Amino acid sequence: MKIVLTIVGMDKVGIIAKVSNALAGMNINIININQNIMQGFFNMVLIAEMSEESAPLAVAKETMTKLGEEIGVEIRLQSEEIFTAMHRI
């Protein structure tokens, strides 16, 4: 299953490293990252693949939400289907 992570917050050193390490620890494979920084704000959309060996979706969501709180950014993890449905025009 593909998932979409959106990450928004003030830019600081280590955001991508901490997010990618957390995903690797849950056996979630990063497929694509698009990130930019505008006027000090960090914005990233990350597409990843979960397999049967990955942590359950609910655990991954909770883990990433807690990580976001720890590093001072908002991290939202959704299944690709939910993300696409929410952003369809």
Protein backbone atom coordinates (compact mmCIF):
# COMPACT_ATOMS: atom_id res chain seq x y z
CA MET A 1 0.00 0.00 0.00
CA LYS A 2 1.24 3.48 -0.80
CA ILE A 3 1.09 6.23 1.81
CA VAL A 4 1.50 10.01 1.68
CA LEU A 5 3.23 12.00 4.41
CA THR A 6 2.89 15.75 4.53
CA ILE A 7 5.26 17.65 6.77
CA VAL A 8 4.97 21.38 7.51
CA GLY A 9 6.78 23.57 10.02
CA MET A 10 9.67 25.90 10.65
CA ASP A 11 12.83 24.71 8.94
CA LYS A 12 15.55 23.21 11.09
CA VAL A 13 18.42 20.77 10.71
CA GLY A 14 17.54 17.07 10.71
CA ILE A 15 13.86 16.95 9.70
CA ILE A 16 14.40 14.70 6.68
CA ALA A 17 16.92 12.53 8.54
CA LYS A 18 14.59 11.94 11.49
CA VAL A 19 11.57 11.23 9.27
CA SER A 20 13.47 8.84 6.99
CA ASN A 21 15.03 7.02 9.97
CA ALA A 22 11.60 6.59 11.59
CA LEU A 23 10.16 5.20 8.35
CA ALA A 24 13.10 2.82 7.90
CA GLY A 25 12.61 1.61 11.48
CA MET A 26 9.04 0.64 10.56
CA ASN A 27 10.20 -1.04 7.31
CA ILE A 28 8.49 1.60 5.15
CA ASN A 29 10.23 2.33 1.84
CA ILE A 30 10.44 5.92 0.56
CA ILE A 31 9.55 6.21 -3.13
CA ASN A 32 9.56 9.96 -3.72
CA ILE A 33 10.25 13.15 -1.78
CA ASN A 34 9.32 16.68 -2.83
CA GLN A 35 10.38 19.37 -0.39
CA ASN A 36 10.97 23.10 -0.37
CA ILE A 37 11.67 25.90 2.04
CA MET A 38 9.92 29.25 1.68
CA GLN A 39 10.64 32.13 4.03
CA GLY A 40 11.84 29.73 6.72
CA PHE A 41 8.92 27.29 6.40
CA PHE A 42 9.70 23.66 5.58
CA ASN A 43 7.15 21.85 3.40
CA MET A 44 7.49 18.25 2.26
CA VAL A 45 5.32 15.65 0.56
CA LEU A 46 6.71 12.13 0.77
CA ILE A 47 5.33 9.05 -0.99
CA ALA A 48 6.22 5.69 0.54
CA GLU A 49 5.36 2.03 0.19
CA MET A 50 4.20 -0.19 3.04
CA SER A 51 4.49 -3.96 2.76
CA GLU A 52 3.32 -6.86 4.89
CA GLU A 53 6.55 -6.52 6.89
CA SER A 54 5.83 -2.84 7.68
CA ALA A 55 4.30 -1.59 10.89
CA PRO A 56 0.48 -1.42 10.78
CA LEU A 57 -0.92 1.83 9.36
CA ALA A 58 -2.33 2.95 12.73
CA VAL A 59 1.05 2.43 14.41
CA ALA A 60 2.84 4.31 11.62
CA LYS A 61 0.40 7.23 11.93
CA GLU A 62 0.85 7.44 15.69
CA THR A 63 4.63 7.15 15.44
CA MET A 64 4.88 9.94 12.87
CA THR A 65 2.48 12.21 14.76
CA LYS A 66 4.60 11.82 17.90
CA LEU A 67 7.79 12.43 15.95
CA GLY A 68 6.31 15.63 14.55
CA GLU A 69 5.50 16.84 18.05
CA GLU A 70 9.05 16.02 19.20
CA ILE A 71 10.74 17.93 16.39
CA GLY A 72 8.23 20.79 16.18
CA VAL A 73 6.56 20.11 12.84
CA GLU A 74 3.18 18.74 11.79
CA ILE A 75 3.40 15.31 10.18
CA ARG A 76 0.27 13.81 8.65
CA LEU A 77 0.34 10.24 7.30
CA GLN A 78 -2.52 8.98 5.12
CA SER A 79 -3.11 6.13 2.73
CA GLU A 80 -2.71 7.26 -0.86
CA GLU A 81 -6.39 6.58 -1.53
CA ILE A 82 -7.54 8.85 1.30
CA PHE A 83 -5.08 11.60 0.33
CA THR A 84 -6.21 11.47 -3.31
CA ALA A 85 -9.91 11.51 -2.38
CA MET A 86 -9.42 14.50 -0.08
CA HIS A 87 -7.54 16.51 -2.71
CA ARG A 88 -9.65 15.70 -5.76
CA ILE A 89 -11.15 18.75 -7.41
